[in-house]
Amino acid sequence: MAQAVRLVLVRHGQTAWNAQRRLQGHQDIALDATGQWQAQRLALALSDEGIQHLYSSDSQRAQATLAPLAQRLGLTLGLEPGLRERSFGQLEGLNFDEIEARFPEAARQRRQREPEAQPGGGESLLAFESRCLGALHALLARHPGQVVAVASHGGVLDCVYRAALGLALQAPRTWSLDNATVNRLLWTPDAFALVGWNDSTHLDRTA
């Protein structure tokens, strides 16, 4: 395990669409005031982790989540388009009630996690998993034995969690994917190993 990468994986901070339960997908939505506060708290929490490299998806909500940490550490934030959220096509911008009412078949496909379905004309789960995990494996392979922080999206984190625990794409989700939480893993070319998940202690407003 000497060459294992220590991966600090973060979901982006809150946006207005998160608060409204709207599907964001490839829509480039900014952090709201809460998300900006979360990004600052995240920077404080991770400043002593020994992080050597920072990456995010090219969506502004992911970039802004790690921007305060990049400034604090004096590191460049690398952008990786392959770590974008899943595309949901014409479902993007709609909340869950609107999707149920206007696109009931797409809503069913999404609920049942049909791997080959393309709800709203977006990406299938199979294509999305291949795209985001492929991008993450390629990125981490460049940094053996180092500490890397990555900001991405709920769907990407879901794929990583499933890969780490060997869970099928269709398995019901029973784990949390909260905004701006810290998720720790070890990565080798063979596998992800889960160390800690959905740590939100830095977001305690009473601390």
Protein backbone atom coordinates (compact mmCIF):
# COMPACT_ATOMS: atom_id res chain seq x y z
CA MET A 1 0.00 0.00 0.00
CA ALA A 2 3.07 2.29 -0.05
CA GLN A 3 1.98 3.69 -3.42
CA ALA A 4 -1.67 4.06 -2.48
CA VAL A 5 -3.20 7.48 -3.07
CA ARG A 6 -4.98 9.07 -0.12
CA LEU A 7 -8.13 10.47 -1.71
CA VAL A 8 -10.15 13.22 -0.02
CA LEU A 9 -13.37 13.28 -2.02
CA VAL A 10 -15.83 16.13 -1.52
CA ARG A 11 -19.29 16.77 -2.86
CA HIS A 12 -19.72 20.39 -3.95
CA GLY A 13 -21.33 22.88 -1.58
CA GLN A 14 -25.00 23.75 -1.60
CA THR A 15 -26.65 25.58 -4.49
CA ALA A 16 -30.12 27.11 -4.69
CA TRP A 17 -31.16 24.15 -6.82
CA ASN A 18 -30.02 21.72 -4.14
CA ALA A 19 -32.24 23.54 -1.66
CA GLN A 20 -35.15 23.37 -4.13
CA ARG A 21 -34.47 19.68 -4.94
CA ARG A 22 -33.95 20.42 -8.64
CA LEU A 23 -31.85 18.14 -10.83
CA GLN A 24 -28.72 20.02 -11.84
CA GLY A 25 -26.86 17.57 -14.03
CA HIS A 26 -24.72 19.52 -16.50
CA GLN A 27 -26.39 22.86 -15.67
CA ASP A 28 -23.70 25.19 -14.33
CA ILE A 29 -25.27 26.44 -11.11
CA ALA A 30 -23.31 28.58 -8.64
CA LEU A 31 -23.00 28.00 -4.90
CA ASP A 32 -25.52 29.86 -2.79
CA ALA A 33 -24.59 31.71 0.42
CA THR A 34 -24.70 28.49 2.43
CA GLY A 35 -22.50 26.76 -0.12
CA GLN A 36 -19.95 29.56 0.04
CA TRP A 37 -19.87 29.29 3.84
CA GLN A 38 -19.42 25.51 3.51
CA ALA A 39 -16.47 26.03 1.17
CA GLN A 40 -14.76 28.27 3.72
CA ARG A 41 -15.33 25.75 6.50
CA LEU A 42 -14.01 22.99 4.28
CA ALA A 43 -10.81 24.95 3.64
CA LEU A 44 -10.20 25.27 7.36
CA ALA A 45 -10.92 21.59 7.97
CA LEU A 46 -8.60 20.30 5.24
CA SER A 47 -5.73 22.76 5.56
CA ASP A 48 -3.62 20.37 7.68
CA GLU A 49 -4.31 17.15 5.75
CA GLY A 50 -1.07 17.26 3.78
CA ILE A 51 -2.95 17.63 0.50
CA GLN A 52 -0.58 17.89 -2.46
CA HIS A 53 -2.95 18.14 -5.43
CA LEU A 54 -6.43 19.60 -5.93
CA TYR A 55 -8.91 18.76 -8.69
CA SER A 56 -12.57 19.41 -9.40
CA SER A 57 -15.06 18.90 -12.16
CA ASP A 58 -15.31 21.86 -14.50
CA SER A 59 -18.71 22.86 -13.09
CA GLN A 60 -18.49 26.14 -11.20
CA ARG A 61 -20.16 24.71 -8.08
CA ALA A 62 -17.36 22.14 -7.74
CA GLN A 63 -14.59 24.64 -8.53
CA ALA A 64 -15.91 27.15 -5.99
CA THR A 65 -16.06 24.45 -3.31
CA LEU A 66 -12.28 23.93 -3.38
CA ALA A 67 -11.24 27.48 -4.37
CA PRO A 68 -10.76 28.67 -0.75
CA LEU A 69 -8.65 25.59 0.03
CA ALA A 70 -6.56 26.13 -3.12
CA GLN A 71 -5.91 29.71 -2.04
CA ARG A 72 -5.07 28.65 1.50
CA LEU A 73 -2.62 25.95 0.36
CA GLY A 74 -1.18 27.87 -2.58
CA LEU A 75 -2.12 25.08 -4.97
CA THR A 76 -3.53 25.20 -8.50
CA LEU A 77 -6.97 23.68 -8.91
CA GLY A 78 -6.93 21.27 -11.86
CA LEU A 79 -10.17 20.80 -13.82
CA GLU A 80 -11.44 17.43 -14.98
CA PRO A 81 -14.56 17.48 -17.23
CA GLY A 82 -14.93 13.72 -16.81
CA LEU A 83 -15.95 14.32 -13.19
CA ARG A 84 -19.08 16.29 -14.10
CA GLU A 85 -22.44 15.18 -12.74
CA ARG A 86 -24.55 12.79 -14.80
CA SER A 87 -26.47 14.44 -17.64
CA PHE A 88 -30.24 14.25 -17.19
CA GLY A 89 -31.18 15.94 -20.47
CA GLN A 90 -34.62 17.56 -20.42
CA LEU A 91 -35.11 16.68 -16.74
CA GLU A 92 -32.48 19.21 -15.66
CA GLY A 93 -33.91 22.20 -13.82
CA LEU A 94 -37.02 20.32 -12.71
CA ASN A 95 -37.77 19.30 -9.14
CA PHE A 96 -38.82 15.77 -8.31
CA ASP A 97 -42.55 16.52 -8.22
CA GLU A 98 -42.34 18.19 -11.65
CA ILE A 99 -40.48 15.22 -13.09
CA GLU A 100 -43.12 12.81 -11.76
CA ALA A 101 -45.91 14.89 -13.28
CA ARG A 102 -44.35 15.67 -16.67
CA PHE A 103 -42.12 12.65 -17.34
CA PRO A 104 -43.52 9.70 -15.37
CA GLU A 105 -41.63 7.05 -17.37
CA ALA A 106 -38.33 8.88 -16.94
CA ALA A 107 -39.13 9.26 -13.23
CA ARG A 108 -39.74 5.50 -12.95
CA GLN A 109 -36.49 4.70 -14.75
CA ARG A 110 -34.59 6.98 -12.42
CA ARG A 111 -36.24 5.59 -9.28
CA GLN A 112 -35.56 2.00 -10.33
CA ARG A 113 -32.00 2.84 -11.41
CA GLU A 114 -32.29 1.09 -14.76
CA PRO A 115 -28.63 0.90 -15.89
CA GLU A 116 -29.21 1.35 -19.63
CA ALA A 117 -32.06 3.88 -19.47
CA GLN A 118 -31.40 7.48 -20.50
CA PRO A 119 -33.95 9.52 -18.54
CA GLY A 120 -34.72 12.77 -20.28
CA GLY A 121 -32.39 11.84 -23.09
CA GLY A 122 -29.39 12.17 -20.79
CA GLU A 123 -26.69 9.65 -19.88
CA SER A 124 -27.38 6.09 -18.88
CA LEU A 125 -26.04 4.97 -15.51
CA LEU A 126 -23.67 2.60 -17.30
CA ALA A 127 -22.22 5.35 -19.48
CA PHE A 128 -22.00 7.74 -16.54
CA GLU A 129 -20.23 5.25 -14.29
CA SER A 130 -17.73 4.40 -17.02
CA ARG A 131 -17.05 8.08 -17.71
CA CYS A 132 -16.60 9.32 -14.15
CA LEU A 133 -14.72 6.32 -12.72
CA GLY A 134 -12.47 6.22 -15.77
CA ALA A 135 -11.61 9.88 -15.31
CA LEU A 136 -10.95 9.44 -11.59
CA HIS A 137 -8.73 6.37 -12.07
CA ALA A 138 -6.68 8.18 -14.73
CA LEU A 139 -6.30 11.25 -12.51
CA LEU A 140 -5.21 9.33 -9.40
CA ALA A 141 -2.78 7.16 -11.36
CA ARG A 142 -0.69 10.30 -11.88
CA HIS A 143 -0.07 10.72 -8.13
CA PRO A 144 1.12 7.43 -6.55
CA GLY A 145 1.73 7.67 -2.82
CA GLN A 146 0.36 11.22 -2.59
CA VAL A 147 -2.63 12.99 -1.06
CA VAL A 148 -5.22 14.26 -3.53
CA ALA A 149 -8.43 16.21 -2.88
CA VAL A 150 -11.22 16.12 -5.46
CA ALA A 151 -14.50 18.06 -5.55
CA SER A 152 -17.25 16.49 -7.62
CA HIS A 153 -20.97 15.69 -7.52
CA GLY A 154 -23.42 13.42 -5.76
CA GLY A 155 -23.74 11.02 -8.66
CA VAL A 156 -19.97 10.67 -8.96
CA LEU A 157 -19.58 10.06 -5.24
CA ASP A 158 -22.33 7.45 -5.46
CA CYS A 159 -20.40 5.58 -8.16
CA VAL A 160 -17.20 5.70 -6.11
CA TYR A 161 -18.97 4.38 -2.99
CA ARG A 162 -20.44 1.50 -4.98
CA ALA A 163 -17.05 0.72 -6.52
CA ALA A 164 -15.38 0.70 -3.09
CA LEU A 165 -17.95 -1.68 -1.58
CA GLY A 166 -18.69 -3.77 -4.67
CA LEU A 167 -22.34 -2.69 -4.88
CA ALA A 168 -24.37 -2.97 -8.07
CA LEU A 169 -25.58 0.12 -9.91
CA GLN A 170 -29.17 -0.99 -9.31
CA ALA A 171 -28.78 -1.48 -5.55
CA PRO A 172 -30.94 0.99 -3.59
CA ARG A 173 -28.95 3.87 -2.11
CA THR A 174 -28.83 3.67 1.68
CA TRP A 175 -25.86 6.02 2.29
CA SER A 176 -25.69 9.79 2.58
CA LEU A 177 -24.22 12.17 -0.01
CA ASP A 178 -24.50 15.54 1.71
CA ASN A 179 -23.15 18.80 0.33
CA ALA A 180 -19.55 19.74 1.28
CA THR A 181 -18.95 16.62 3.33
CA VAL A 182 -15.55 14.90 3.43
CA ASN A 183 -15.17 11.33 2.21
CA ARG A 184 -11.83 9.54 2.62
CA LEU A 185 -10.59 6.59 0.58
CA LEU A 186 -7.38 4.85 -0.39
CA TRP A 187 -6.86 4.19 -4.09
CA THR A 188 -4.64 1.72 -5.87
CA PRO A 189 -4.88 0.70 -9.54
CA ASP A 190 -6.83 -2.35 -8.37
CA ALA A 191 -9.43 -0.86 -6.08
CA PHE A 192 -10.84 1.86 -3.86
CA ALA A 193 -10.83 1.21 -0.10
CA LEU A 194 -13.29 3.17 2.02
CA VAL A 195 -11.80 4.88 5.10
CA GLY A 196 -14.54 7.32 6.12
CA TRP A 197 -17.75 8.65 4.58
CA ASN A 198 -19.93 11.77 4.76
CA ASP A 199 -17.98 13.51 7.52
CA SER A 200 -19.79 16.77 8.27
CA THR A 201 -18.19 17.74 11.59
CA HIS A 202 -16.63 20.86 10.01
CA LEU A 203 -20.14 22.10 9.12
CA ASP A 204 -21.37 22.18 12.72
CA ARG A 205 -22.44 25.80 13.18
CA THR A 206 -22.18 25.46 16.97
CA ALA A 207 -18.51 24.41 16.89
